[in-house]
N, C-alpha and C. Protein backbone atom coordinates (compact mmCIF):
# COMPACT_ATOMS: atom_id res chain seq x y z
N UNK A 1 1.19 42.16 -58.44
CA UNK A 1 1.57 41.55 -59.40
C UNK A 1 0.21 41.58 -60.55
N UNK A 2 0.55 41.51 -62.01
CA UNK A 2 -0.60 41.95 -62.49
C UNK A 2 -0.91 40.57 -63.14
N UNK A 3 -2.48 40.79 -63.35
CA UNK A 3 -3.21 39.05 -63.97
C UNK A 3 -3.28 38.58 -64.71
N UNK A 4 -3.35 37.38 -65.15
CA UNK A 4 -3.00 37.56 -67.01
C UNK A 4 -4.54 37.30 -67.30
N UNK A 5 -5.27 37.34 -68.40
CA UNK A 5 -6.13 37.28 -69.33
C UNK A 5 -6.03 35.32 -69.52
N UNK A 6 -7.48 35.23 -70.01
CA UNK A 6 -8.07 34.05 -69.93
C UNK A 6 -7.97 33.99 -71.85
N UNK A 7 -7.81 35.20 -72.42
CA UNK A 7 -7.04 34.10 -73.87
C UNK A 7 -5.72 33.80 -73.78
N UNK A 8 -5.83 32.71 -74.62
CA UNK A 8 -4.83 32.31 -75.21
C UNK A 8 -4.11 32.67 -76.20
N UNK A 9 -2.16 32.52 -76.18
CA UNK A 9 -1.52 33.23 -76.87
C UNK A 9 -1.51 32.26 -77.82
N UNK A 10 -2.12 33.20 -78.92
CA UNK A 10 -2.09 32.09 -80.57
C UNK A 10 -0.97 33.46 -81.60
N UNK A 11 0.18 32.86 -82.18
CA UNK A 11 0.96 33.70 -83.02
C UNK A 11 -0.31 33.71 -84.01
N UNK A 12 0.04 34.96 -84.88
CA UNK A 12 -0.82 35.49 -86.08
C UNK A 12 -0.43 34.24 -87.24
N UNK A 13 0.88 33.94 -86.88
CA UNK A 13 0.56 32.56 -88.32
C UNK A 13 -0.43 31.70 -87.98
N UNK A 14 0.14 31.49 -86.87
CA UNK A 14 -0.93 30.46 -86.46
C UNK A 14 -2.74 30.43 -87.04
N UNK A 15 -3.06 32.03 -86.89
CA UNK A 15 -4.85 32.21 -86.43
C UNK A 15 -4.95 31.82 -88.05
N UNK A 16 -4.57 31.47 -88.99
CA UNK A 16 -5.08 31.68 -89.92
C UNK A 16 -4.86 30.01 -90.59
N UNK A 17 -5.05 29.38 -89.97
CA UNK A 17 -4.46 27.99 -90.79
C UNK A 17 -5.89 27.74 -90.18
N UNK A 18 -6.01 26.37 -91.70
CA UNK A 18 -7.44 25.45 -91.82
C UNK A 18 -7.78 24.43 -90.18
N UNK A 19 -6.55 24.18 -89.58
CA UNK A 19 -6.68 23.37 -88.47
C UNK A 19 -7.27 24.47 -87.47
N UNK A 20 -6.39 25.34 -87.14
CA UNK A 20 -6.60 26.50 -86.13
C UNK A 20 -8.38 26.74 -86.43
N UNK A 21 -8.89 27.38 -87.24
CA UNK A 21 -10.49 27.94 -87.54
C UNK A 21 -10.79 26.54 -87.21
N UNK A 22 -10.83 25.09 -87.58
CA UNK A 22 -11.44 24.29 -87.67
C UNK A 22 -11.16 23.79 -85.81
N UNK A 23 -10.34 23.65 -85.45
CA UNK A 23 -10.26 23.74 -83.42
C UNK A 23 -11.12 24.30 -82.92
N UNK A 24 -10.87 25.92 -83.73
CA UNK A 24 -12.03 27.31 -82.80
C UNK A 24 -13.37 26.73 -82.61
N UNK A 25 -13.78 26.80 -83.94
CA UNK A 25 -15.34 26.33 -85.11
C UNK A 25 -15.76 25.15 -84.12
N UNK A 26 -15.18 23.89 -83.61
CA UNK A 26 -15.38 22.69 -83.12
C UNK A 26 -15.92 23.31 -81.83
N UNK A 27 -15.28 24.39 -81.11
CA UNK A 27 -16.34 24.10 -79.99
C UNK A 27 -17.29 24.90 -79.78
N UNK A 28 -17.53 25.48 -80.68
CA UNK A 28 -18.88 25.99 -80.92
C UNK A 28 -19.75 26.03 -81.33
N UNK A 29 -19.30 24.13 -82.37
CA UNK A 29 -20.24 23.82 -83.25
C UNK A 29 -19.78 22.59 -83.26
N UNK A 30 -19.79 21.78 -82.21
CA UNK A 30 -19.75 19.94 -81.76
C UNK A 30 -20.15 19.31 -83.66
N UNK A 31 -21.32 19.34 -82.94
CA UNK A 31 -22.10 18.46 -84.19
C UNK A 31 -21.97 18.47 -85.63
N UNK A 32 -22.24 19.85 -86.24
CA UNK A 32 -21.73 20.16 -87.20
C UNK A 32 -20.48 19.53 -87.90
N UNK A 33 -19.75 19.78 -86.49
CA UNK A 33 -18.15 19.99 -87.98
C UNK A 33 -17.95 18.84 -87.41
N UNK A 34 -18.14 17.83 -85.95
CA UNK A 34 -17.38 16.64 -85.53
C UNK A 34 -18.90 15.42 -86.16
N UNK A 35 -19.56 15.32 -85.49
CA UNK A 35 -20.62 14.29 -85.41
C UNK A 35 -20.80 13.88 -87.02
N UNK A 36 -21.75 15.50 -87.54
CA UNK A 36 -22.40 15.13 -88.61
C UNK A 36 -21.39 14.33 -90.41
N UNK A 37 -20.54 14.97 -89.60
CA UNK A 37 -19.48 14.12 -90.84
C UNK A 37 -18.71 12.77 -90.39
N UNK A 38 -18.84 12.16 -89.24
CA UNK A 38 -18.73 10.94 -88.65
C UNK A 38 -20.19 10.31 -89.55
N UNK A 39 -21.02 10.58 -89.42
CA UNK A 39 -22.75 9.56 -89.35
C UNK A 39 -22.76 9.47 -90.86
N UNK A 40 -22.21 11.32 -91.65
CA UNK A 40 -22.11 10.96 -92.88
C UNK A 40 -21.12 9.82 -93.82
N UNK A 41 -19.97 9.55 -93.21
CA UNK A 41 -19.17 8.77 -93.40
C UNK A 41 -19.48 7.33 -92.56
N UNK A 42 -20.22 7.18 -91.88
CA UNK A 42 -20.63 5.70 -91.97
C UNK A 42 -21.85 5.97 -92.98
N UNK A 43 -23.29 6.90 -92.85
CA UNK A 43 -23.62 5.97 -94.01
C UNK A 43 -23.06 5.91 -95.51
N UNK A 44 -22.43 6.73 -95.84
CA UNK A 44 -22.14 6.21 -97.13
C UNK A 44 -20.66 4.94 -97.35
N UNK A 45 -20.38 4.68 -96.46
CA UNK A 45 -18.92 3.41 -96.04
C UNK A 45 -20.45 2.19 -96.49
N UNK A 46 -21.32 2.59 -95.64
CA UNK A 46 -22.77 1.47 -95.66
C UNK A 46 -23.34 1.55 -97.44
N UNK A 47 -23.58 2.11 -98.33
CA UNK A 47 -23.78 2.41 -99.32
C UNK A 47 -22.93 1.87 -100.21
N UNK A 48 -21.62 2.29 -100.04
CA UNK A 48 -20.48 1.82 -100.77
C UNK A 48 -20.30 0.20 -100.72
N UNK A 49 -20.49 0.29 -99.90
CA UNK A 49 -20.02 -1.77 -98.97
C UNK A 49 -21.34 -2.24 -99.93
N UNK A 50 -22.51 -1.93 -99.91
CA UNK A 50 -23.77 -2.86 -100.41
C UNK A 50 -23.69 -3.79 -101.58
N UNK A 51 -22.72 -3.18 -102.87
CA UNK A 51 -23.03 -4.06 -103.80
C UNK A 51 -21.43 -4.78 -103.84
N UNK A 52 -20.08 -4.79 -102.57
CA UNK A 52 -19.33 -5.41 -102.88
C UNK A 52 -19.44 -6.53 -101.89
N UNK A 53 -20.53 -6.76 -101.12
CA UNK A 53 -20.89 -7.72 -99.77
C UNK A 53 -21.76 -8.89 -101.20
N UNK A 54 -22.66 -8.02 -101.92
CA UNK A 54 -23.47 -8.61 -102.50
C UNK A 54 -22.67 -9.61 -104.02
N UNK A 55 -21.94 -8.94 -104.03
CA UNK A 55 -20.91 -9.62 -105.22
C UNK A 55 -19.92 -11.05 -104.91
N UNK A 56 -19.72 -10.44 -103.49
CA UNK A 56 -19.23 -11.82 -102.47
C UNK A 56 -20.18 -13.25 -102.55
N UNK A 57 -21.16 -12.54 -102.05
CA UNK A 57 -22.41 -13.78 -102.23
C UNK A 57 -22.87 -14.53 -103.02
N UNK A 58 -22.42 -13.64 -104.35
CA UNK A 58 -23.10 -13.64 -105.34
C UNK A 58 -22.14 -15.28 -106.02
N UNK A 59 -20.76 -15.00 -106.06
CA UNK A 59 -19.99 -15.73 -106.38
C UNK A 59 -19.66 -17.54 -105.61
N UNK A 60 -20.18 -17.06 -104.29
CA UNK A 60 -20.57 -17.79 -103.58
C UNK A 60 -21.25 -18.50 -103.74
N UNK A 61 -22.32 -18.28 -103.96
CA UNK A 61 -23.60 -18.63 -104.61
C UNK A 61 -23.26 -20.30 -106.57
N UNK A 62 -22.64 -19.10 -106.86
CA UNK A 62 -22.25 -19.33 -107.93
C UNK A 62 -21.17 -21.01 -107.89
N UNK A 63 -20.09 -21.28 -106.63
CA UNK A 63 -19.89 -21.77 -106.22
C UNK A 63 -20.74 -23.04 -105.90
N UNK A 64 -21.76 -23.39 -105.52
CA UNK A 64 -22.23 -23.70 -104.51
C UNK A 64 -23.48 -24.42 -105.54
N UNK A 65 -23.43 -25.91 -106.17
CA UNK A 65 -24.27 -26.41 -106.41
C UNK A 65 -25.61 -26.56 -105.65
N UNK A 66 -26.66 -26.32 -106.43
CA UNK A 66 -28.12 -26.62 -105.90
C UNK A 66 -28.44 -28.00 -106.02
N UNK A 67 -28.78 -28.58 -105.26
CA UNK A 67 -29.34 -30.67 -105.23
C UNK A 67 -30.03 -30.71 -105.06
N UNK A 68 -30.69 -31.58 -105.91
CA UNK A 68 -31.92 -32.04 -105.57
C UNK A 68 -32.82 -33.14 -103.87
N UNK A 69 -33.34 -33.32 -104.04
CA UNK A 69 -33.26 -33.81 -102.66
C UNK A 69 -33.27 -35.98 -103.12
N UNK A 70 -33.52 -35.81 -104.57
CA UNK A 70 -32.98 -37.59 -104.87
C UNK A 70 -31.35 -37.42 -105.21
N UNK A 71 -30.85 -36.19 -105.02
CA UNK A 71 -30.00 -36.46 -105.09
C UNK A 71 -28.85 -36.38 -103.87
N UNK A 72 -29.42 -36.01 -103.19
CA UNK A 72 -29.33 -35.78 -101.87
C UNK A 72 -29.33 -36.92 -101.09
N UNK A 73 -30.41 -37.80 -101.19
CA UNK A 73 -30.23 -39.15 -100.65
C UNK A 73 -29.84 -39.72 -101.15
N UNK A 74 -29.08 -39.94 -102.49
CA UNK A 74 -28.38 -40.89 -102.81
C UNK A 74 -28.95 -41.62 -104.04
N UNK A 75 -30.01 -41.33 -104.26
CA UNK A 75 -30.74 -41.79 -105.36
C UNK A 75 -30.30 -42.24 -106.34
N UNK A 76 -30.19 -42.68 -107.14
CA UNK A 76 -29.97 -43.01 -109.10
C UNK A 76 -31.23 -43.10 -109.82
N UNK A 77 -30.71 -43.13 -110.60
CA UNK A 77 -32.20 -43.07 -111.72
C UNK A 77 -33.06 -44.64 -111.95
N UNK A 78 -31.97 -45.36 -111.53
CA UNK A 78 -32.23 -46.84 -111.63
C UNK A 78 -33.48 -47.15 -110.26
N UNK A 79 -33.60 -46.17 -109.19
CA UNK A 79 -34.22 -46.90 -107.91
C UNK A 79 -35.57 -46.73 -108.57
N UNK A 80 -36.62 -47.04 -107.53
CA UNK A 80 -37.85 -46.81 -107.61
C UNK A 80 -38.27 -45.46 -107.10
N UNK A 81 -39.35 -44.95 -107.21
CA UNK A 81 -39.79 -43.91 -106.41
C UNK A 81 -40.57 -43.87 -105.80
N UNK A 82 -40.13 -43.29 -104.43
CA UNK A 82 -40.41 -43.75 -103.18
C UNK A 82 -41.73 -42.58 -103.48
N UNK A 83 -43.06 -43.25 -103.61
CA UNK A 83 -44.47 -42.13 -102.47
C UNK A 83 -44.68 -42.38 -101.11
N UNK A 84 -45.63 -41.51 -100.42
CA UNK A 84 -45.55 -41.25 -98.42
C UNK A 84 -46.40 -42.07 -98.75
N UNK A 85 -47.75 -42.22 -99.79
CA UNK A 85 -49.05 -42.51 -100.14
C UNK A 85 -49.01 -44.34 -100.05
N UNK A 86 -47.79 -44.41 -100.60
CA UNK A 86 -47.53 -45.93 -101.28
C UNK A 86 -47.27 -47.25 -99.64
N UNK A 87 -46.22 -45.82 -99.85
CA UNK A 87 -45.24 -46.45 -98.33
C UNK A 87 -46.20 -46.56 -97.00
N UNK A 88 -47.16 -45.96 -96.89
CA UNK A 88 -47.49 -45.96 -95.74
C UNK A 88 -48.82 -47.11 -96.01
N UNK A 89 -49.10 -47.63 -96.48
CA UNK A 89 -50.06 -48.30 -97.19
C UNK A 89 -49.92 -49.90 -97.12
N UNK A 90 -48.33 -50.10 -97.93
CA UNK A 90 -47.63 -50.89 -97.99
C UNK A 90 -47.24 -50.88 -96.53
N UNK A 91 -46.59 -50.82 -95.53
CA UNK A 91 -46.37 -50.60 -94.01
C UNK A 91 -47.44 -51.24 -93.54
N UNK A 92 -48.91 -50.27 -93.54
CA UNK A 92 -50.24 -51.38 -92.80
C UNK A 92 -50.37 -52.31 -93.29
N UNK A 93 -49.95 -52.76 -94.10
CA UNK A 93 -50.60 -54.25 -94.68
C UNK A 93 -49.62 -55.41 -94.24
N UNK A 94 -49.22 -54.74 -93.01
CA UNK A 94 -47.84 -55.96 -92.57
C UNK A 94 -48.46 -56.22 -91.37
N UNK A 95 -48.28 -57.29 -91.38
CA UNK A 95 -49.17 -57.97 -89.72
C UNK A 95 -48.47 -57.72 -88.67
N UNK A 96 -49.28 -56.64 -87.81
CA UNK A 96 -48.49 -55.93 -86.67
C UNK A 96 -48.51 -55.88 -85.36
N UNK A 97 -50.05 -57.02 -85.34
CA UNK A 97 -50.78 -57.36 -84.18
C UNK A 97 -49.39 -58.08 -83.57
N UNK A 98 -49.03 -59.88 -84.69
CA UNK A 98 -48.16 -60.43 -83.98
C UNK A 98 -47.13 -60.09 -84.13
N UNK A 99 -46.36 -59.08 -83.42
CA UNK A 99 -44.99 -59.21 -83.41
C UNK A 99 -44.27 -59.12 -81.95
N UNK A 100 -42.70 -59.93 -82.09
CA UNK A 100 -41.92 -59.93 -80.94
C UNK A 100 -40.33 -59.06 -80.84
N UNK A 101 -40.53 -58.72 -79.46
CA UNK A 101 -39.12 -57.59 -79.83
C UNK A 101 -38.02 -59.21 -79.22
N UNK A 102 -37.00 -57.80 -80.35
CA UNK A 102 -35.54 -59.01 -80.61
C UNK A 102 -34.76 -58.32 -79.77
N UNK A 103 -34.11 -58.72 -79.13
CA UNK A 103 -32.75 -57.66 -78.47
C UNK A 103 -31.68 -57.99 -79.48
N UNK A 104 -31.05 -56.40 -80.01
CA UNK A 104 -29.91 -56.84 -80.69
C UNK A 104 -28.85 -56.95 -80.16
N UNK A 105 -27.92 -58.02 -80.51
CA UNK A 105 -26.45 -58.38 -80.22
C UNK A 105 -25.49 -57.56 -79.83
N UNK A 106 -25.19 -57.32 -78.81
CA UNK A 106 -24.26 -56.06 -78.38
C UNK A 106 -22.45 -56.61 -78.35
N UNK A 107 -22.12 -55.22 -78.91
CA UNK A 107 -20.01 -56.07 -78.64
C UNK A 107 -20.13 -56.07 -77.93
N UNK A 108 -19.06 -56.59 -78.29
CA UNK A 108 -17.70 -57.25 -76.98
C UNK A 108 -18.18 -56.28 -75.97
N UNK A 109 -17.87 -56.14 -74.49
CA UNK A 109 -17.20 -55.37 -73.57
C UNK A 109 -18.27 -54.23 -73.83
N UNK A 110 -19.13 -54.14 -74.33
CA UNK A 110 -20.57 -53.34 -74.31
C UNK A 110 -21.68 -53.19 -73.78
N UNK A 111 -22.02 -52.81 -73.05
CA UNK A 111 -23.54 -52.90 -71.78
C UNK A 111 -24.43 -53.04 -72.01
N UNK A 112 -24.89 -53.78 -71.64
CA UNK A 112 -26.20 -55.04 -72.55
C UNK A 112 -27.45 -54.02 -71.77
N UNK A 113 -27.18 -53.50 -70.53
CA UNK A 113 -28.75 -52.90 -70.00
C UNK A 113 -29.60 -54.24 -69.06
N UNK A 114 -28.99 -55.18 -68.75
CA UNK A 114 -29.90 -56.43 -68.28
C UNK A 114 -29.47 -56.21 -67.25
N UNK A 115 -30.31 -56.39 -65.49
CA UNK A 115 -29.59 -55.75 -64.91
C UNK A 115 -29.93 -57.45 -63.76
């Protein structure tokens, strides 16, 4: 019985196609024909998507209005301005030596914490 050769049978028309040449070259140079184009595609996509992402965040920033600290606290223009040093001295002038602890009245059915 004759032995079979290790070569695969390819018809003459299939040997000249781009796909068959790519497949045969892929087994010899896998990184050059598969890895390098893959990494290149990932890097190119990153550079092309960066402006689109920046545009998205710029549009979001236009919608969100920056609020000052006074507006966030709900202070109007007719309210007095708060100065931390002034508040400190105003509170320190109060008589803090003679104070009495008072219990807050609890709601009905709420545990008051008294044993």
